[in-house]
Protein backbone atom coordinates (compact mmCIF):
# COMPACT_ATOMS: atom_id res chain seq x y z
CA MET A 1 -2.61 40.60 9.85
CA GLN A 2 -4.37 40.78 13.21
CA ARG A 3 -1.06 40.25 15.01
CA ASN A 4 0.90 42.42 12.56
CA ILE A 5 3.09 39.52 11.40
CA PRO A 6 4.35 40.20 7.87
CA ILE A 7 4.32 37.55 5.15
CA PHE A 8 6.91 37.41 2.39
CA VAL A 9 6.08 36.12 -1.07
CA LEU A 10 9.25 34.91 -2.78
CA ASN A 11 10.01 33.81 -6.30
CA ALA A 12 11.51 30.29 -6.51
CA ARG A 13 12.82 31.08 -10.00
CA ASN A 14 14.60 34.19 -8.76
CA PRO A 15 15.83 33.43 -5.22
CA LYS A 16 18.05 36.56 -5.10
CA ASN A 17 15.01 38.82 -5.40
CA GLU A 18 13.82 40.25 -2.08
CA GLY A 19 10.20 39.35 -2.89
CA THR A 20 7.06 41.10 -1.73
CA ARG A 21 6.31 41.90 1.90
CA ILE A 22 2.63 41.74 2.85
CA ALA A 23 1.73 43.46 6.10
CA ALA A 24 -1.31 44.84 7.87
CA HIS A 25 -0.37 48.41 6.94
CA ALA A 26 1.22 49.55 3.69
CA PRO A 27 4.33 51.69 3.98
CA SER A 28 3.85 55.33 3.06
CA SER A 29 4.97 56.28 -0.40
CA LYS A 30 5.24 59.45 -2.49
CA ASN A 31 4.34 57.47 -5.61
CA THR A 32 0.72 57.65 -6.72
CA PHE A 33 0.93 54.34 -8.56
CA LYS A 34 1.78 51.13 -6.76
CA ALA A 35 1.87 48.94 -9.86
CA ILE A 36 1.44 49.13 -13.60
CA ALA A 37 0.41 46.12 -15.66
CA ALA A 38 0.70 45.86 -19.41
CA LYS A 39 -0.50 43.28 -21.89
CA THR A 40 0.38 43.24 -25.55
CA ARG A 41 -1.62 42.09 -28.56
CA ILE A 42 -5.08 42.66 -27.17
CA THR A 43 -8.15 43.82 -29.05
CA ILE A 44 -10.56 46.38 -27.63
CA VAL A 45 -14.19 45.88 -28.64
CA ASP A 46 -16.53 48.86 -28.18
CA ILE A 47 -20.26 48.16 -28.31
CA VAL A 48 -22.41 51.28 -28.36
CA ALA A 49 -26.19 51.17 -28.45
CA ALA A 50 -28.66 53.79 -27.29
CA ARG A 51 -31.11 50.93 -26.67
CA MET A 52 -28.80 49.71 -23.90
CA LEU A 53 -29.99 52.51 -21.61
CA LEU A 54 -32.20 50.91 -18.94
CA ALA A 55 -32.44 47.70 -21.03
CA HIS A 56 -32.84 44.44 -19.15
CA GLY A 57 -30.56 41.59 -20.30
CA PHE A 58 -28.32 43.67 -22.56
CA LEU A 59 -25.05 42.55 -20.95
CA ARG A 60 -26.25 38.95 -20.88
CA ALA A 61 -26.90 39.09 -24.64
CA ILE A 62 -23.41 40.47 -25.27
CA PHE A 63 -21.67 37.83 -23.19
CA GLU A 64 -23.75 35.03 -24.72
CA VAL A 65 -22.30 35.97 -28.12
CA PHE A 66 -18.75 35.79 -26.76
CA ASP A 67 -19.57 32.50 -25.04
CA ARG A 68 -21.04 30.93 -28.20
CA HIS A 69 -17.85 31.75 -30.07
CA ARG A 70 -15.63 30.58 -27.21
CA CYS A 71 -13.97 33.99 -27.01
CA PRO A 72 -12.77 34.78 -23.48
CA VAL A 73 -13.15 38.36 -22.27
CA ASP A 74 -10.30 39.83 -20.22
CA MET A 75 -11.58 43.19 -19.03
CA VAL A 76 -14.92 45.03 -19.13
CA SER A 77 -15.87 48.68 -18.77
CA THR A 78 -19.47 49.87 -19.02
CA SER A 79 -21.37 53.12 -19.25
CA GLU A 80 -25.06 53.88 -19.69
CA VAL A 81 -24.97 53.25 -23.44
CA SER A 82 -21.74 51.36 -24.14
CA VAL A 83 -19.65 48.35 -23.22
CA SER A 84 -15.93 48.18 -23.89
CA LEU A 85 -14.06 44.93 -23.42
CA THR A 86 -10.75 43.39 -24.29
CA ILE A 87 -10.03 40.02 -25.86
CA ASP A 88 -6.77 38.26 -26.72
CA SER A 89 -7.65 37.40 -30.30
CA SER A 90 -9.79 39.14 -32.88
CA ASP A 91 -10.20 35.95 -34.97
CA ALA A 92 -13.82 35.38 -33.89
CA ILE A 93 -15.01 38.96 -34.41
CA PRO A 94 -16.28 38.52 -38.01
CA ALA A 95 -18.33 35.45 -37.04
CA MET A 96 -19.66 37.18 -33.93
CA ALA A 97 -20.73 40.22 -35.95
CA LYS A 98 -22.75 37.99 -38.33
CA THR A 99 -24.61 36.31 -35.47
CA TRP A 100 -25.09 39.40 -33.31
CA PRO A 101 -28.57 39.32 -31.75
CA SER A 102 -30.82 42.08 -33.05
CA SER A 103 -32.26 42.38 -29.55
CA ALA A 104 -28.86 43.58 -28.30
CA MET A 105 -28.67 46.56 -30.63
């Protein structure tokens, strides 16, 4: 990048594709979006608790529940009183709800 030498990332499974050019400066574009990603069959979990406001350890308690049930979290969004996250499978949700720590709510 310091010497402005571009790098090309190519796809070995699709050699006819031009690939992606990585350079020090992105070309100008009229498009607002550079990429869109989509994932199917995900579950969004919304956790809302007024006690979360200024609470120490709230996020830790939430992620400990997901960890205990071996449920990987893909994406997280937080606000002052809520946490929204996505998971691939909702199979563990009933068991997680039964063991939810009272300190987290």
